[in-house]
Amino acid sequence: MKKRATIFALLLVSALVMLAGCGKSGASGSEDKDTFTVGLEAGYAPFNWSQKSDTNGAVKIKGSKEYAGGYDVEMAKKLADKMGKELVVVKTEWDGLVPALNSGKIDAIVAGMSPTAERKKAIDFSDNYYKSDLVMVVKKGGKYEGAKSIQDFKGAKVTAQLNTFHYSVIDQIKGVSKETAMDNFPAMRVALQSGIIDGYVSERPEAVSASTANDDFAMVEFNDGFKTSEDDTAVAVGVEKGSDLTEEINKALKDISEDERTEIMDQAIKNQPAEQ
């Protein structure tokens, strides 16, 4: 009986040790501390997109035959290099990014995400690595291409991406027809092309990307635009609450000049695949 009790105790201790090890691995976002595993949707050009090859420095998407490219990917590559880590990219739907971060599936979100007050309740953010203004993407030659104020969109069918502040600012347009929010930017481009919507709210880089990729689209910049906060229009890296990565990432960001960041964005717009 005593021998059996001793064996049982040893087995119990072993099981607890194994469980502890598993928990530690899951919380880190990756088993290897030498990797920097980032999540992005790979559908928000020029910040991030998916392509079939490693052309222009695209990175293989984990568990996929596709590669991820874009401004976010290039910034993530620089951050990983400066932190002495290997970059791993995980393709995740927009709504799944924060859950993936908090469940330990990824180490950070590098996905054109704004550090809004609401998101700061769930996760922490690094210093900003990009800042942009809100614009509208419309059909070229249509009635809204010459708009100067957001109020010129009175009666227009307008939408934005689901669970973004882009969608909430539509309420600032008096008499607008606020359409159902959409999951991603490719879906909004299709809706605009087919006439389901008259326009969608976006950040300037995506709008430039859309109008570059499709001659039927135009970007509308406003003299009297949307009222936003600095956090709304900024872009930062999302990390877990209290993560040690925040300091590491901020240190790395300080070594990337504003001129270099602008150059990276300009190059991303040029490199985006035509189908994006």
C-alpha atoms as a PDB file:
ATOM      1  CA  MET A   1       0.000   0.000   0.000  1.00  0.00           C
ATOM      2  CA  LYS A   2       2.799   2.385   0.930  1.00  0.00           C
ATOM      3  CA  LYS A   3       4.656   1.513  -2.293  1.00  0.00           C
ATOM      4  CA  ARG A   4       1.546   2.230  -4.339  1.00  0.00           C
ATOM      5  CA  ALA A   5       1.107   5.559  -2.589  1.00  0.00           C
ATOM      6  CA  THR A   6       4.719   6.499  -3.363  1.00  0.00           C
ATOM      7  CA  ILE A   7       4.305   5.599  -7.056  1.00  0.00           C
ATOM      8  CA  PHE A   8       1.070   7.591  -7.212  1.00  0.00           C
ATOM      9  CA  ALA A   9       2.780  10.613  -5.657  1.00  0.00           C
ATOM     10  CA  LEU A  10       5.621  10.436  -8.178  1.00  0.00           C
ATOM     11  CA  LEU A  11       3.166  10.198 -11.066  1.00  0.00           C
ATOM     12  CA  LEU A  12       1.219  13.169  -9.711  1.00  0.00           C
ATOM     13  CA  VAL A  13       4.353  15.302  -9.410  1.00  0.00           C
ATOM     14  CA  SER A  14       5.372  14.382 -12.968  1.00  0.00           C
ATOM     15  CA  ALA A  15       1.947  15.303 -14.294  1.00  0.00           C
ATOM     16  CA  LEU A  16       2.030  18.666 -12.524  1.00  0.00           C
ATOM     17  CA  VAL A  17       5.481  19.411 -13.947  1.00  0.00           C
ATOM     18  CA  MET A  18       4.270  18.565 -17.464  1.00  0.00           C
ATOM     19  CA  LEU A  19       1.179  20.740 -17.054  1.00  0.00           C
ATOM     20  CA  ALA A  20       3.254  23.638 -15.785  1.00  0.00           C
ATOM     21  CA  GLY A  21       5.523  23.339 -18.809  1.00  0.00           C
ATOM     22  CA  CYS A  22       2.564  23.327 -21.184  1.00  0.00           C
ATOM     23  CA  GLY A  23       1.082  26.387 -19.548  1.00  0.00           C
ATOM     24  CA  LYS A  24       4.298  28.315 -19.849  1.00  0.00           C
ATOM     25  CA  SER A  25       4.606  27.479 -23.544  1.00  0.00           C
ATOM     26  CA  GLY A  26       1.033  28.526 -24.324  1.00  0.00           C
ATOM     27  CA  ALA A  27       1.351  31.854 -22.512  1.00  0.00           C
ATOM     28  CA  SER A  28       4.441  32.890 -24.429  1.00  0.00           C
ATOM     29  CA  GLY A  29       2.831  32.832 -27.876  1.00  0.00           C
ATOM     30  CA  SER A  30       5.482  30.414 -29.135  1.00  0.00           C
ATOM     31  CA  GLU A  31       7.557  27.601 -27.651  1.00  0.00           C
ATOM     32  CA  ASP A  32      10.800  29.208 -28.764  1.00  0.00           C
ATOM     33  CA  LYS A  33      11.744  32.458 -27.033  1.00  0.00           C
ATOM     34  CA  ASP A  34      13.919  33.218 -30.037  1.00  0.00           C
ATOM     35  CA  THR A  35      10.838  33.738 -32.230  1.00  0.00           C
ATOM     36  CA  PHE A  36       8.584  36.768 -32.604  1.00  0.00           C
ATOM     37  CA  THR A  37       5.154  35.445 -33.591  1.00  0.00           C
ATOM     38  CA  VAL A  38       2.864  38.140 -34.947  1.00  0.00           C
ATOM     39  CA  GLY A  39      -0.763  38.029 -36.025  1.00  0.00           C
ATOM     40  CA  LEU A  40      -2.306  39.938 -38.927  1.00  0.00           C
ATOM     41  CA  GLU A  41      -5.267  39.466 -41.266  1.00  0.00           C
ATOM     42  CA  ALA A  42      -3.240  39.571 -44.504  1.00  0.00           C
ATOM     43  CA  GLY A  43      -6.057  41.438 -46.248  1.00  0.00           C
ATOM     44  CA  TYR A  44      -5.479  45.127 -45.532  1.00  0.00           C
ATOM     45  CA  ALA A  45      -3.148  46.410 -48.238  1.00  0.00           C
ATOM     46  CA  PRO A  46      -0.821  48.233 -48.102  1.00  0.00           C
ATOM     47  CA  PHE A  47      -0.464  47.403 -44.387  1.00  0.00           C
ATOM     48  CA  ASN A  48      -0.660  43.654 -44.972  1.00  0.00           C
ATOM     49  CA  TRP A  49      -1.714  41.206 -47.665  1.00  0.00           C
ATOM     50  CA  SER A  50      -1.230  37.608 -48.820  1.00  0.00           C
ATOM     51  CA  GLN A  51       0.533  36.471 -51.997  1.00  0.00           C
ATOM     52  CA  LYS A  52       1.707  33.236 -53.606  1.00  0.00           C
ATOM     53  CA  SER A  53       5.483  33.711 -53.370  1.00  0.00           C
ATOM     54  CA  ASP A  54       8.203  35.410 -51.343  1.00  0.00           C
ATOM     55  CA  THR A  55       8.565  38.205 -53.922  1.00  0.00           C
ATOM     56  CA  ASN A  56       9.610  41.578 -52.484  1.00  0.00           C
ATOM     57  CA  GLY A  57      10.567  40.063 -49.140  1.00  0.00           C
ATOM     58  CA  ALA A  58       7.211  38.492 -48.246  1.00  0.00           C
ATOM     59  CA  VAL A  59       7.262  36.094 -45.268  1.00  0.00           C
ATOM     60  CA  LYS A  60       5.810  32.578 -45.249  1.00  0.00           C
ATOM     61  CA  ILE A  61       2.526  32.392 -43.345  1.00  0.00           C
ATOM     62  CA  LYS A  62       2.665  29.677 -40.690  1.00  0.00           C
ATOM     63  CA  GLY A  63       0.684  26.588 -41.669  1.00  0.00           C
ATOM     64  CA  SER A  64      -0.039  27.926 -45.162  1.00  0.00           C
ATOM     65  CA  LYS A  65       1.368  27.883 -48.672  1.00  0.00           C
ATOM     66  CA  GLU A  66       0.858  31.646 -48.843  1.00  0.00           C
ATOM     67  CA  TYR A  67       3.199  34.498 -47.957  1.00  0.00           C
ATOM     68  CA  ALA A  68       2.461  37.786 -46.177  1.00  0.00           C
ATOM     69  CA  GLY A  69       3.716  41.127 -47.439  1.00  0.00           C
ATOM     70  CA  GLY A  70       3.098  44.799 -46.751  1.00  0.00           C
ATOM     71  CA  TYR A  71       4.052  47.624 -44.430  1.00  0.00           C
ATOM     72  CA  ASP A  72       3.228  45.689 -41.248  1.00  0.00           C
ATOM     73  CA  VAL A  73       5.304  42.721 -42.381  1.00  0.00           C
ATOM     74  CA  GLU A  74       8.306  44.915 -43.179  1.00  0.00           C
ATOM     75  CA  MET A  75       8.027  46.637 -39.803  1.00  0.00           C
ATOM     76  CA  ALA A  76       7.667  43.277 -38.053  1.00  0.00           C
ATOM     77  CA  LYS A  77      10.794  42.045 -39.849  1.00  0.00           C
ATOM     78  CA  LYS A  78      12.750  45.056 -38.625  1.00  0.00           C
ATOM     79  CA  LEU A  79      11.456  44.664 -35.067  1.00  0.00           C
ATOM     80  CA  ALA A  80      12.310  40.963 -35.002  1.00  0.00           C
ATOM     81  CA  ASP A  81      15.806  41.659 -36.346  1.00  0.00           C
ATOM     82  CA  LYS A  82      16.499  44.390 -33.793  1.00  0.00           C
ATOM     83  CA  MET A  83      15.242  42.129 -30.981  1.00  0.00           C
ATOM     84  CA  GLY A  84      17.393  39.251 -32.230  1.00  0.00           C
ATOM     85  CA  LYS A  85      14.405  37.012 -32.946  1.00  0.00           C
ATOM     86  CA  GLU A  86      13.069  35.035 -35.893  1.00  0.00           C
ATOM     87  CA  LEU A  87       9.807  36.371 -37.309  1.00  0.00           C
ATOM     88  CA  VAL A  88       6.810  34.035 -37.544  1.00  0.00           C
ATOM     89  CA  VAL A  89       3.612  35.271 -39.218  1.00  0.00           C
ATOM     90  CA  VAL A  90       0.179  33.889 -38.328  1.00  0.00           C
ATOM     91  CA  LYS A  91      -2.806  34.801 -40.524  1.00  0.00           C
ATOM     92  CA  THR A  92      -5.811  35.602 -38.322  1.00  0.00           C
ATOM     93  CA  GLU A  93      -9.197  37.201 -38.977  1.00  0.00           C
ATOM     94  CA  TRP A  94      -9.478  40.729 -37.592  1.00  0.00           C
ATOM     95  CA  ASP A  95     -11.945  39.768 -34.849  1.00  0.00           C
ATOM     96  CA  GLY A  96      -9.654  36.929 -33.778  1.00  0.00           C
ATOM     97  CA  LEU A  97      -6.474  38.955 -33.286  1.00  0.00           C
ATOM     98  CA  VAL A  98      -7.021  40.076 -29.680  1.00  0.00           C
ATOM     99  CA  PRO A  99      -8.270  36.613 -28.567  1.00  0.00           C
ATOM    100  CA  ALA A 100      -5.258  35.014 -30.276  1.00  0.00           C
ATOM    101  CA  LEU A 101      -2.947  37.388 -28.407  1.00  0.00           C
ATOM    102  CA  ASN A 102      -4.542  36.837 -25.021  1.00  0.00           C
ATOM    103  CA  SER A 103      -4.663  33.066 -25.484  1.00  0.00           C
ATOM    104  CA  GLY A 104      -0.929  32.943 -26.246  1.00  0.00           C
ATOM    105  CA  LYS A 105      -1.189  31.874 -29.891  1.00  0.00           C
ATOM    106  CA  ILE A 106       0.757  34.959 -30.956  1.00  0.00           C
ATOM    107  CA  ASP A 107       3.230  37.279 -29.241  1.00  0.00           C
ATOM    108  CA  ALA A 108       2.020  40.502 -30.821  1.00  0.00           C
ATOM    109  CA  ILE A 109      -0.480  42.074 -33.203  1.00  0.00           C
ATOM    110  CA  VAL A 110       1.173  43.940 -36.083  1.00  0.00           C
ATOM    111  CA  ALA A 111      -1.867  44.585 -38.241  1.00  0.00           C
ATOM    112  CA  GLY A 112      -2.485  48.281 -38.774  1.00  0.00           C
ATOM    113  CA  MET A 113      -4.308  48.339 -35.431  1.00  0.00           C
ATOM    114  CA  SER A 114      -5.085  51.626 -33.684  1.00  0.00           C
ATOM    115  CA  PRO A 115      -4.480  51.848 -29.905  1.00  0.00           C
ATOM    116  CA  THR A 116      -8.020  52.986 -29.079  1.00  0.00           C
ATOM    117  CA  ALA A 117      -9.227  53.443 -25.507  1.00  0.00           C
ATOM    118  CA  GLU A 118     -11.551  50.464 -25.872  1.00  0.00           C
ATOM    119  CA  ARG A 119      -8.764  48.133 -27.032  1.00  0.00           C
ATOM    120  CA  LYS A 120      -6.468  49.345 -24.250  1.00  0.00           C
ATOM    121  CA  LYS A 121      -8.891  47.756 -21.782  1.00  0.00           C
ATOM    122  CA  ALA A 122      -7.975  44.332 -23.161  1.00  0.00           C
ATOM    123  CA  ILE A 123      -4.353  44.665 -24.306  1.00  0.00           C
ATOM    124  CA  ASP A 124      -1.325  46.955 -24.138  1.00  0.00           C
ATOM    125  CA  PHE A 125       0.257  48.805 -27.043  1.00  0.00           C
ATOM    126  CA  SER A 126       3.724  49.876 -28.063  1.00  0.00           C
ATOM    127  CA  ASP A 127       4.588  53.387 -29.151  1.00  0.00           C
ATOM    128  CA  ASN A 128       2.978  54.335 -32.467  1.00  0.00           C
ATOM    129  CA  TYR A 129       4.694  53.164 -35.636  1.00  0.00           C
ATOM    130  CA  TYR A 130       2.444  54.955 -38.141  1.00  0.00           C
ATOM    131  CA  LYS A 131      -0.156  57.710 -38.246  1.00  0.00           C
ATOM    132  CA  SER A 132      -2.715  58.415 -40.923  1.00  0.00           C
ATOM    133  CA  ASP A 133      -5.900  60.379 -41.656  1.00  0.00           C
ATOM    134  CA  LEU A 134      -9.362  59.051 -42.437  1.00  0.00           C
ATOM    135  CA  VAL A 135     -10.616  59.305 -46.007  1.00  0.00           C
ATOM    136  CA  MET A 136     -13.354  57.760 -48.143  1.00  0.00           C
ATOM    137  CA  VAL A 137     -13.007  55.353 -51.058  1.00  0.00           C
ATOM    138  CA  VAL A 138     -15.613  55.875 -53.802  1.00  0.00           C
ATOM    139  CA  LYS A 139     -16.254  55.097 -57.465  1.00  0.00           C
ATOM    140  CA  LYS A 140     -14.190  57.236 -59.849  1.00  0.00           C
ATOM    141  CA  GLY A 141     -16.400  59.562 -61.870  1.00  0.00           C
ATOM    142  CA  GLY A 142     -19.312  59.083 -59.482  1.00  0.00           C
ATOM    143  CA  LYS A 143     -21.313  61.767 -57.674  1.00  0.00           C
ATOM    144  CA  TYR A 144     -19.183  61.567 -54.533  1.00  0.00           C
ATOM    145  CA  GLU A 145     -15.689  61.821 -56.037  1.00  0.00           C
ATOM    146  CA  GLY A 146     -15.680  65.608 -55.741  1.00  0.00           C
ATOM    147  CA  ALA A 147     -16.829  65.685 -52.099  1.00  0.00           C
ATOM    148  CA  LYS A 148     -15.035  68.244 -49.912  1.00  0.00           C
ATOM    149  CA  SER A 149     -16.870  67.572 -46.644  1.00  0.00           C
ATOM    150  CA  ILE A 150     -18.079  64.389 -45.021  1.00  0.00           C
ATOM    151  CA  GLN A 151     -21.507  66.021 -45.022  1.00  0.00           C
ATOM    152  CA  ASP A 152     -21.496  65.763 -48.827  1.00  0.00           C
ATOM    153  CA  PHE A 153     -22.233  62.073 -48.227  1.00  0.00           C
ATOM    154  CA  LYS A 154     -25.752  62.789 -46.991  1.00  0.00           C
ATOM    155  CA  GLY A 155     -27.977  59.992 -48.353  1.00  0.00           C
ATOM    156  CA  ALA A 156     -24.983  57.911 -49.466  1.00  0.00           C
ATOM    157  CA  LYS A 157     -24.655  54.217 -48.628  1.00  0.00           C
ATOM    158  CA  VAL A 158     -21.488  54.080 -46.538  1.00  0.00           C
ATOM    159  CA  THR A 159     -19.835  51.330 -44.518  1.00  0.00           C
ATOM    160  CA  ALA A 160     -16.515  50.411 -42.845  1.00  0.00           C
ATOM    161  CA  GLN A 161     -14.789  47.407 -41.341  1.00  0.00           C
ATOM    162  CA  LEU A 162     -16.477  45.563 -38.509  1.00  0.00           C
ATOM    163  CA  ASN A 163     -15.249  46.358 -34.981  1.00  0.00           C
ATOM    164  CA  THR A 164     -13.205  49.395 -35.999  1.00  0.00           C
ATOM    165  CA  PHE A 165     -13.591  53.051 -35.107  1.00  0.00           C
ATOM    166  CA  HIS A 166     -13.928  53.653 -38.858  1.00  0.00           C
ATOM    167  CA  TYR A 167     -17.472  52.338 -38.589  1.00  0.00           C
ATOM    168  CA  SER A 168     -18.409  54.524 -35.628  1.00  0.00           C
ATOM    169  CA  VAL A 169     -17.366  57.794 -37.303  1.00  0.00           C
ATOM    170  CA  ILE A 170     -19.954  57.272 -40.037  1.00  0.00           C
ATOM    171  CA  ASP A 171     -22.452  58.591 -37.484  1.00  0.00           C
ATOM    172  CA  GLN A 172     -20.863  62.029 -37.904  1.00  0.00           C
ATOM    173  CA  ILE A 173     -22.436  62.273 -41.386  1.00  0.00           C
ATOM    174  CA  LYS A 174     -25.954  63.705 -41.177  1.00  0.00           C
ATOM    175  CA  GLY A 175     -28.559  61.735 -43.132  1.00  0.00           C
ATOM    176  CA  VAL A 176     -26.132  59.031 -44.225  1.00  0.00           C
ATOM    177  CA  SER A 177     -27.349  55.514 -44.983  1.00  0.00           C
ATOM    178  CA  LYS A 178     -25.072  53.548 -42.645  1.00  0.00           C
ATOM    179  CA  GLU A 179     -24.769  50.072 -44.126  1.00  0.00           C
ATOM    180  CA  THR A 180     -23.873  46.875 -42.277  1.00  0.00           C
ATOM    181  CA  ALA A 181     -20.200  46.708 -41.302  1.00  0.00           C
ATOM    182  CA  MET A 182     -18.096  44.275 -43.321  1.00  0.00           C
ATOM    183  CA  ASP A 183     -15.475  41.775 -42.200  1.00  0.00           C
ATOM    184  CA  ASN A 184     -12.582  42.996 -44.329  1.00  0.00           C
ATOM    185  CA  PHE A 185     -11.400  45.443 -46.983  1.00  0.00           C
ATOM    186  CA  PRO A 186     -11.503  43.046 -49.957  1.00  0.00           C
ATOM    187  CA  ALA A 187     -15.216  42.554 -49.237  1.00  0.00           C
ATOM    188  CA  MET A 188     -15.778  46.326 -49.152  1.00  0.00           C
ATOM    189  CA  ARG A 189     -13.954  46.789 -52.447  1.00  0.00           C
ATOM    190  CA  VAL A 190     -16.206  44.187 -54.059  1.00  0.00           C
ATOM    191  CA  ALA A 191     -19.294  45.903 -52.591  1.00  0.00           C
ATOM    192  CA  LEU A 192     -18.144  49.269 -53.939  1.00  0.00           C
ATOM    193  CA  GLN A 193     -17.373  47.866 -57.364  1.00  0.00           C
ATOM    194  CA  SER A 194     -20.824  46.253 -57.596  1.00  0.00           C
ATOM    195  CA  GLY A 195     -22.672  49.353 -56.372  1.00  0.00           C
ATOM    196  CA  ILE A 196     -23.914  47.851 -53.117  1.00  0.00           C
ATOM    197  CA  ILE A 197     -22.286  50.800 -51.331  1.00  0.00           C
ATOM    198  CA  ASP A 198     -21.325  54.309 -52.433  1.00  0.00           C
ATOM    199  CA  GLY A 199     -18.187  54.450 -50.336  1.00  0.00           C
ATOM    200  CA  TYR A 200     -16.287  53.069 -47.379  1.00  0.00           C
ATOM    201  CA  VAL A 201     -14.255  54.759 -44.648  1.00  0.00           C
ATOM    202  CA  SER A 202     -10.565  53.951 -44.638  1.00  0.00           C
ATOM    203  CA  GLU A 203      -7.121  55.237 -43.722  1.00  0.00           C
ATOM    204  CA  ARG A 204      -5.177  57.053 -46.392  1.00  0.00           C
ATOM    205  CA  PRO A 205      -2.633  54.278 -47.178  1.00  0.00           C
ATOM    206  CA  GLU A 206      -5.394  51.708 -47.821  1.00  0.00           C
ATOM    207  CA  ALA A 207      -7.285  54.218 -49.970  1.00  0.00           C
ATOM    208  CA  VAL A 208      -4.187  54.953 -52.040  1.00  0.00           C
ATOM    209  CA  SER A 209      -3.702  51.208 -52.342  1.00  0.00           C
ATOM    210  CA  ALA A 210      -7.313  50.664 -53.455  1.00  0.00           C
ATOM    211  CA  SER A 211      -7.221  53.410 -56.090  1.00  0.00           C
ATOM    212  CA  THR A 212      -3.837  52.188 -57.331  1.00  0.00           C
ATOM    213  CA  ALA A 213      -5.056  48.606 -57.681  1.00  0.00           C
ATOM    214  CA  ASN A 214      -8.375  49.501 -59.310  1.00  0.00           C
ATOM    215  CA  ASP A 215      -8.795  52.322 -61.833  1.00  0.00           C
ATOM    216  CA  ASP A 216     -12.528  52.454 -61.013  1.00  0.00           C
ATOM    217  CA  PHE A 217     -11.803  53.673 -57.462  1.00  0.00           C
ATOM    218  CA  ALA A 218     -10.930  57.124 -56.177  1.00  0.00           C
ATOM    219  CA  MET A 219      -9.809  58.427 -52.792  1.00  0.00           C
ATOM    220  CA  VAL A 220     -11.648  61.381 -51.276  1.00  0.00           C
ATOM    221  CA  GLU A 221      -9.736  63.590 -48.820  1.00  0.00           C
ATOM    222  CA  PHE A 222     -11.717  66.183 -46.885  1.00  0.00           C
ATOM    223  CA  ASN A 223     -11.374  69.839 -46.003  1.00  0.00           C
ATOM    224  CA  ASP A 224     -14.027  69.213 -43.362  1.00  0.00           C
ATOM    225  CA  GLY A 225     -13.350  65.649 -42.285  1.00  0.00           C
ATOM    226  CA  PHE A 226     -14.059  63.204 -39.497  1.00  0.00           C
ATOM    227  CA  LYS A 227     -13.388  64.214 -35.904  1.00  0.00           C
ATOM    228  CA  THR A 228     -10.972  61.717 -34.389  1.00  0.00           C
ATOM    229  CA  SER A 229      -8.478  61.389 -31.556  1.00  0.00           C
ATOM    230  CA  GLU A 230      -4.745  60.845 -32.053  1.00  0.00           C
ATOM    231  CA  ASP A 231      -5.057  57.239 -30.850  1.00  0.00           C
ATOM    232  CA  ASP A 232      -7.767  56.588 -33.425  1.00  0.00           C
ATOM    233  CA  THR A 233      -5.567  57.459 -36.384  1.00  0.00           C
ATOM    234  CA  ALA A 234      -2.308  56.058 -35.036  1.00  0.00           C
ATOM    235  CA  VAL A 235      -1.057  52.493 -35.521  1.00  0.00           C
ATOM    236  CA  ALA A 236       0.794  50.520 -32.839  1.00  0.00           C
ATOM    237  CA  VAL A 237       1.846  46.981 -31.932  1.00  0.00           C
ATOM    238  CA  GLY A 238      -0.592  45.152 -29.660  1.00  0.00           C
ATOM    239  CA  VAL A 239       0.838  43.029 -26.832  1.00  0.00           C
ATOM    240  CA  GLU A 240      -0.511  41.245 -23.772  1.00  0.00           C
ATOM    241  CA  LYS A 241      -1.148  43.256 -20.616  1.00  0.00           C
ATOM    242  CA  GLY A 242       2.091  43.686 -18.692  1.00  0.00           C
ATOM    243  CA  SER A 243       4.193  42.049 -21.415  1.00  0.00           C
ATOM    244  CA  ASP A 244       7.977  42.497 -21.314  1.00  0.00           C
ATOM    245  CA  LEU A 245       7.827  42.819 -25.109  1.00  0.00           C
ATOM    246  CA  THR A 246       6.467  46.363 -24.855  1.00  0.00           C
ATOM    247  CA  GLU A 247       9.824  47.759 -23.747  1.00  0.00           C
ATOM    248  CA  GLU A 248      11.726  45.657 -26.296  1.00  0.00           C
ATOM    249  CA  ILE A 249       9.500  46.774 -29.157  1.00  0.00           C
ATOM    250  CA  ASN A 250       9.634  50.442 -28.149  1.00  0.00           C
ATOM    251  CA  LYS A 251      13.426  50.298 -28.013  1.00  0.00           C
ATOM    252  CA  ALA A 252      13.502  48.770 -31.492  1.00  0.00           C
ATOM    253  CA  LEU A 253      11.046  51.337 -32.871  1.00  0.00           C
ATOM    254  CA  LYS A 254      13.295  54.202 -31.769  1.00  0.00           C
ATOM    255  CA  ASP A 255      15.926  52.904 -34.180  1.00  0.00           C
ATOM    256  CA  ILE A 256      13.555  53.209 -37.170  1.00  0.00           C
ATOM    257  CA  SER A 257      13.413  56.820 -38.365  1.00  0.00           C
ATOM    258  CA  GLU A 258      10.276  58.542 -39.674  1.00  0.00           C
ATOM    259  CA  ASP A 259      11.881  58.861 -43.106  1.00  0.00           C
ATOM    260  CA  GLU A 260      12.551  55.126 -43.153  1.00  0.00           C
ATOM    261  CA  ARG A 261       8.964  54.367 -42.122  1.00  0.00           C
ATOM    262  CA  THR A 262       7.620  56.605 -44.906  1.00  0.00           C
ATOM    263  CA  GLU A 263       9.903  54.905 -47.419  1.00  0.00           C
ATOM    264  CA  ILE A 264       8.664  51.489 -46.286  1.00  0.00           C
ATOM    265  CA  MET A 265       5.038  52.567 -46.747  1.00  0.00           C
ATOM    266  CA  ASP A 266       5.702  54.042 -50.194  1.00  0.00           C
ATOM    267  CA  GLN A 267       7.383  50.811 -51.243  1.00  0.00           C
ATOM    268  CA  ALA A 268       4.528  48.715 -49.839  1.00  0.00           C
ATOM    269  CA  ILE A 269       2.020  50.643 -51.961  1.00  0.00           C
ATOM    270  CA  LYS A 270       4.147  49.971 -55.060  1.00  0.00           C
ATOM    271  CA  ASN A 271       4.606  46.270 -54.221  1.00  0.00           C
ATOM    272  CA  GLN A 272       0.993  45.346 -53.476  1.00  0.00           C
ATOM    273  CA  PRO A 273      -0.374  42.551 -55.697  1.00  0.00           C
ATOM    274  CA  ALA A 274      -2.835  43.719 -58.370  1.00  0.00           C
ATOM    275  CA  GLU A 275      -5.677  41.580 -56.976  1.00  0.00           C
ATOM    276  CA  GLN A 276      -5.416  43.359 -53.623  1.00  0.00           C
END
